[in-house]
């Protein structure tokens, strides 16, 4: 039980930090006290299903996914489990970046996915990014282009 609490605590903290939330901000969004959240993150407490349900949305999880991570539900079929998650390659690349860069890249990928869904035309990401975000750092554009060009990281988008 302790190992599961520690693992769950690490996951909660990683997702909170990746979302750019402080303990107080997560507490405000979830309705759970910041002191209790701190104990969860340190693995000192085991949260109830109700608490996990309150934490799911602010941390970017579905409620069922959060309960599965905590071991309260059996694992979901693979097709359902991957909905809404970043590709492992994208996660790997982003994990080496600052939280601010992670937020920017995820926002850009979201924009690209919505554009790809709305049109069947080819998309030249570099040209689009320069026109839409003229002040965007070239390194970010290159990193996102690399993610889009990587077959596993494309998320179904066609970069050309």
C-alpha atoms as a PDB file:
ATOM      1  CA  UNK A   1       0.000   0.000   0.000  1.00  0.00           C
ATOM      2  CA  UNK A   2       2.845   2.413   0.833  1.00  0.00           C
ATOM      3  CA  UNK A   3       4.497   1.910  -2.558  1.00  0.00           C
ATOM      4  CA  UNK A   4       1.200   2.638  -4.313  1.00  0.00           C
ATOM      5  CA  UNK A   5       0.677   5.785  -2.189  1.00  0.00           C
ATOM      6  CA  UNK A   6       4.191   6.994  -2.958  1.00  0.00           C
ATOM      7  CA  UNK A   7       3.762   6.333  -6.702  1.00  0.00           C
ATOM      8  CA  UNK A   8       0.369   8.015  -6.761  1.00  0.00           C
ATOM      9  CA  UNK A   9       1.791  10.967  -4.844  1.00  0.00           C
ATOM     10  CA  UNK A  10       4.616  11.331  -7.361  1.00  0.00           C
ATOM     11  CA  UNK A  11       2.158  11.236 -10.268  1.00  0.00           C
ATOM     12  CA  UNK A  12      -0.083  13.854  -8.651  1.00  0.00           C
ATOM     13  CA  UNK A  13       2.880  16.146  -8.026  1.00  0.00           C
ATOM     14  CA  UNK A  14       4.297  15.673 -11.548  1.00  0.00           C
ATOM     15  CA  UNK A  15       0.950  16.500 -13.138  1.00  0.00           C
ATOM     16  CA  UNK A  16       0.418  19.494 -10.848  1.00  0.00           C
ATOM     17  CA  UNK A  17       3.851  20.913 -11.686  1.00  0.00           C
ATOM     18  CA  UNK A  18       3.413  20.183 -15.408  1.00  0.00           C
ATOM     19  CA  UNK A  19       0.090  22.052 -15.299  1.00  0.00           C
ATOM     20  CA  UNK A  20       1.871  25.009 -13.701  1.00  0.00           C
ATOM     21  CA  UNK A  21      -0.225  24.840 -10.533  1.00  0.00           C
ATOM     22  CA  UNK A  22       0.885  25.524  -6.980  1.00  0.00           C
ATOM     23  CA  UNK A  23      -0.566  23.446  -4.154  1.00  0.00           C
ATOM     24  CA  UNK A  24      -2.852  26.375  -3.270  1.00  0.00           C
ATOM     25  CA  UNK A  25      -4.063  26.712  -6.870  1.00  0.00           C
ATOM     26  CA  UNK A  26      -4.783  22.992  -7.117  1.00  0.00           C
ATOM     27  CA  UNK A  27      -6.547  23.188  -3.758  1.00  0.00           C
ATOM     28  CA  UNK A  28      -8.748  26.018  -5.034  1.00  0.00           C
ATOM     29  CA  UNK A  29      -9.592  24.166  -8.261  1.00  0.00           C
ATOM     30  CA  UNK A  30     -10.274  20.819  -6.601  1.00  0.00           C
ATOM     31  CA  UNK A  31     -11.818  21.892  -3.306  1.00  0.00           C
ATOM     32  CA  UNK A  32      -9.237  19.877  -1.343  1.00  0.00           C
ATOM     33  CA  UNK A  33      -7.033  21.554   1.266  1.00  0.00           C
ATOM     34  CA  UNK A  34      -3.449  22.316   0.281  1.00  0.00           C
ATOM     35  CA  UNK A  35      -2.140  20.604   3.426  1.00  0.00           C
ATOM     36  CA  UNK A  36      -3.963  17.376   2.503  1.00  0.00           C
ATOM     37  CA  UNK A  37      -2.680  17.647  -1.077  1.00  0.00           C
ATOM     38  CA  UNK A  38       0.871  17.980   0.263  1.00  0.00           C
ATOM     39  CA  UNK A  39       0.413  14.808   2.316  1.00  0.00           C
ATOM     40  CA  UNK A  40      -0.938  13.001  -0.761  1.00  0.00           C
ATOM     41  CA  UNK A  41       2.072  14.085  -2.822  1.00  0.00           C
ATOM     42  CA  UNK A  42       4.464  12.848  -0.126  1.00  0.00           C
ATOM     43  CA  UNK A  43       2.668   9.490   0.031  1.00  0.00           C
ATOM     44  CA  UNK A  44       1.526  10.027   3.609  1.00  0.00           C
ATOM     45  CA  UNK A  45      -2.177   9.573   2.812  1.00  0.00           C
ATOM     46  CA  UNK A  46      -4.302   7.356   0.585  1.00  0.00           C
ATOM     47  CA  UNK A  47      -7.000   9.391  -1.138  1.00  0.00           C
ATOM     48  CA  UNK A  48     -10.594   8.219  -1.394  1.00  0.00           C
ATOM     49  CA  UNK A  49     -12.316   7.780  -4.744  1.00  0.00           C
ATOM     50  CA  UNK A  50     -14.164  11.043  -4.060  1.00  0.00           C
ATOM     51  CA  UNK A  51     -10.893  12.951  -3.566  1.00  0.00           C
ATOM     52  CA  UNK A  52      -9.404  11.374  -6.695  1.00  0.00           C
ATOM     53  CA  UNK A  53     -12.493  12.408  -8.648  1.00  0.00           C
ATOM     54  CA  UNK A  54     -12.044  16.012  -7.517  1.00  0.00           C
ATOM     55  CA  UNK A  55      -8.366  15.975  -8.521  1.00  0.00           C
ATOM     56  CA  UNK A  56      -8.845  14.389 -11.945  1.00  0.00           C
ATOM     57  CA  UNK A  57      -9.977  17.401 -13.990  1.00  0.00           C
ATOM     58  CA  UNK A  58      -7.482  19.983 -12.662  1.00  0.00           C
ATOM     59  CA  UNK A  59      -4.657  17.480 -13.262  1.00  0.00           C
ATOM     60  CA  UNK A  60      -5.807  16.700 -16.802  1.00  0.00           C
ATOM     61  CA  UNK A  61      -7.060  13.177 -16.128  1.00  0.00           C
ATOM     62  CA  UNK A  62     -10.452  11.644 -16.705  1.00  0.00           C
ATOM     63  CA  UNK A  63     -12.061  10.432 -13.480  1.00  0.00           C
ATOM     64  CA  UNK A  64     -11.839   6.764 -14.537  1.00  0.00           C
ATOM     65  CA  UNK A  65      -8.201   7.226 -15.545  1.00  0.00           C
ATOM     66  CA  UNK A  66      -7.386   8.735 -12.145  1.00  0.00           C
ATOM     67  CA  UNK A  67      -9.105   5.851 -10.339  1.00  0.00           C
ATOM     68  CA  UNK A  68      -7.200   3.370 -12.515  1.00  0.00           C
ATOM     69  CA  UNK A  69      -3.871   5.028 -11.697  1.00  0.00           C
ATOM     70  CA  UNK A  70      -4.726   4.763  -8.001  1.00  0.00           C
ATOM     71  CA  UNK A  71      -5.506   1.060  -8.425  1.00  0.00           C
ATOM     72  CA  UNK A  72      -9.207   1.441  -7.602  1.00  0.00           C
ATOM     73  CA  UNK A  73     -10.351   0.441 -11.105  1.00  0.00           C
ATOM     74  CA  UNK A  74      -8.926  -2.200 -13.440  1.00  0.00           C
ATOM     75  CA  UNK A  75      -6.892  -0.898 -16.395  1.00  0.00           C
ATOM     76  CA  UNK A  76      -8.962   0.356 -19.327  1.00  0.00           C
ATOM     77  CA  UNK A  77      -8.681  -1.164 -22.785  1.00  0.00           C
ATOM     78  CA  UNK A  78      -5.721   0.350 -24.655  1.00  0.00           C
ATOM     79  CA  UNK A  79      -7.871   2.319 -27.123  1.00  0.00           C
ATOM     80  CA  UNK A  80      -9.678   4.144 -24.315  1.00  0.00           C
ATOM     81  CA  UNK A  81      -6.579   4.625 -22.190  1.00  0.00           C
ATOM     82  CA  UNK A  82      -4.704   6.620 -24.835  1.00  0.00           C
ATOM     83  CA  UNK A  83      -7.441   9.161 -25.605  1.00  0.00           C
ATOM     84  CA  UNK A  84      -6.298  12.620 -24.550  1.00  0.00           C
ATOM     85  CA  UNK A  85      -2.742  11.567 -23.784  1.00  0.00           C
ATOM     86  CA  UNK A  86       0.373  12.826 -25.470  1.00  0.00           C
ATOM     87  CA  UNK A  87       2.317  10.423 -27.621  1.00  0.00           C
ATOM     88  CA  UNK A  88       5.252   8.904 -25.652  1.00  0.00           C
ATOM     89  CA  UNK A  89       7.778  10.541 -28.008  1.00  0.00           C
ATOM     90  CA  UNK A  90       6.162  13.957 -27.509  1.00  0.00           C
ATOM     91  CA  UNK A  91       6.132  13.433 -23.736  1.00  0.00           C
ATOM     92  CA  UNK A  92       9.800  12.435 -23.823  1.00  0.00           C
ATOM     93  CA  UNK A  93      10.792  15.544 -25.778  1.00  0.00           C
ATOM     94  CA  UNK A  94       8.680  17.861 -23.625  1.00  0.00           C
ATOM     95  CA  UNK A  95       9.912  16.397 -20.344  1.00  0.00           C
ATOM     96  CA  UNK A  96      13.303  17.984 -21.025  1.00  0.00           C
ATOM     97  CA  UNK A  97      11.786  21.460 -21.401  1.00  0.00           C
ATOM     98  CA  UNK A  98      10.623  24.049 -18.888  1.00  0.00           C
ATOM     99  CA  UNK A  99       6.976  24.127 -17.845  1.00  0.00           C
ATOM    100  CA  UNK A 100       6.444  27.340 -19.845  1.00  0.00           C
ATOM    101  CA  UNK A 101       7.756  25.688 -23.021  1.00  0.00           C
ATOM    102  CA  UNK A 102       5.620  22.605 -22.335  1.00  0.00           C
ATOM    103  CA  UNK A 103       2.489  24.762 -22.150  1.00  0.00           C
ATOM    104  CA  UNK A 104       3.349  26.581 -25.385  1.00  0.00           C
ATOM    105  CA  UNK A 105       4.081  23.389 -27.311  1.00  0.00           C
ATOM    106  CA  UNK A 106       0.953  21.625 -26.067  1.00  0.00           C
ATOM    107  CA  UNK A 107      -1.143  24.661 -27.039  1.00  0.00           C
ATOM    108  CA  UNK A 108       0.421  24.708 -30.509  1.00  0.00           C
ATOM    109  CA  UNK A 109      -0.176  20.969 -30.955  1.00  0.00           C
ATOM    110  CA  UNK A 110      -3.802  21.497 -29.942  1.00  0.00           C
ATOM    111  CA  UNK A 111      -4.183  24.237 -32.545  1.00  0.00           C
ATOM    112  CA  UNK A 112      -2.606  22.035 -35.198  1.00  0.00           C
ATOM    113  CA  UNK A 113      -4.860  19.101 -34.364  1.00  0.00           C
ATOM    114  CA  UNK A 114      -7.961  21.288 -34.630  1.00  0.00           C
ATOM    115  CA  UNK A 115      -6.759  22.698 -37.961  1.00  0.00           C
ATOM    116  CA  UNK A 116      -6.074  19.189 -39.252  1.00  0.00           C
ATOM    117  CA  UNK A 117      -9.561  18.047 -38.230  1.00  0.00           C
ATOM    118  CA  UNK A 118     -11.217  21.025 -39.935  1.00  0.00           C
ATOM    119  CA  UNK A 119      -9.392  20.813 -43.244  1.00  0.00           C
ATOM    120  CA  UNK A 120      -8.032  18.186 -45.545  1.00  0.00           C
ATOM    121  CA  UNK A 121      -5.385  20.507 -46.972  1.00  0.00           C
ATOM    122  CA  UNK A 122      -1.689  20.060 -46.364  1.00  0.00           C
ATOM    123  CA  UNK A 123      -0.185  22.140 -43.560  1.00  0.00           C
ATOM    124  CA  UNK A 124       3.276  23.665 -43.656  1.00  0.00           C
ATOM    125  CA  UNK A 125       3.811  24.135 -39.952  1.00  0.00           C
ATOM    126  CA  UNK A 126       6.883  26.388 -40.107  1.00  0.00           C
ATOM    127  CA  UNK A 127       5.218  28.877 -42.438  1.00  0.00           C
ATOM    128  CA  UNK A 128       2.001  28.801 -40.421  1.00  0.00           C
ATOM    129  CA  UNK A 129       3.834  29.310 -37.119  1.00  0.00           C
ATOM    130  CA  UNK A 130       5.835  32.265 -38.454  1.00  0.00           C
ATOM    131  CA  UNK A 131       2.677  33.953 -39.771  1.00  0.00           C
ATOM    132  CA  UNK A 132       0.463  33.228 -36.783  1.00  0.00           C
ATOM    133  CA  UNK A 133       3.103  33.766 -34.060  1.00  0.00           C
ATOM    134  CA  UNK A 134       5.783  36.116 -35.473  1.00  0.00           C
ATOM    135  CA  UNK A 135       7.444  36.577 -32.060  1.00  0.00           C
ATOM    136  CA  UNK A 136       7.576  32.860 -31.251  1.00  0.00           C
ATOM    137  CA  UNK A 137      11.113  31.646 -30.596  1.00  0.00           C
ATOM    138  CA  UNK A 138      12.594  29.734 -33.540  1.00  0.00           C
ATOM    139  CA  UNK A 139      13.777  26.925 -31.218  1.00  0.00           C
ATOM    140  CA  UNK A 140      10.176  26.237 -30.189  1.00  0.00           C
ATOM    141  CA  UNK A 141       9.054  26.161 -33.826  1.00  0.00           C
ATOM    142  CA  UNK A 142      11.864  23.742 -34.699  1.00  0.00           C
ATOM    143  CA  UNK A 143      11.070  21.528 -31.695  1.00  0.00           C
ATOM    144  CA  UNK A 144       7.371  21.342 -32.604  1.00  0.00           C
ATOM    145  CA  UNK A 145       8.232  20.696 -36.276  1.00  0.00           C
ATOM    146  CA  UNK A 146      10.508  17.847 -35.127  1.00  0.00           C
ATOM    147  CA  UNK A 147       7.649  16.413 -33.077  1.00  0.00           C
ATOM    148  CA  UNK A 148       5.311  16.663 -36.067  1.00  0.00           C
ATOM    149  CA  UNK A 149       7.858  15.107 -38.421  1.00  0.00           C
ATOM    150  CA  UNK A 150       8.483  12.173 -36.072  1.00  0.00           C
ATOM    151  CA  UNK A 151       6.118   9.371 -37.133  1.00  0.00           C
ATOM    152  CA  UNK A 152       5.162   8.343 -33.594  1.00  0.00           C
ATOM    153  CA  UNK A 153       4.794  11.960 -32.439  1.00  0.00           C
ATOM    154  CA  UNK A 154       2.593  13.246 -35.225  1.00  0.00           C
ATOM    155  CA  UNK A 155      -0.697  12.292 -33.607  1.00  0.00           C
ATOM    156  CA  UNK A 156      -2.144  11.747 -37.065  1.00  0.00           C
ATOM    157  CA  UNK A 157      -1.172  15.173 -38.407  1.00  0.00           C
ATOM    158  CA  UNK A 158       0.499  15.539 -41.739  1.00  0.00           C
ATOM    159  CA  UNK A 159       3.173  18.260 -41.442  1.00  0.00           C
ATOM    160  CA  UNK A 160       3.445  18.767 -45.213  1.00  0.00           C
END
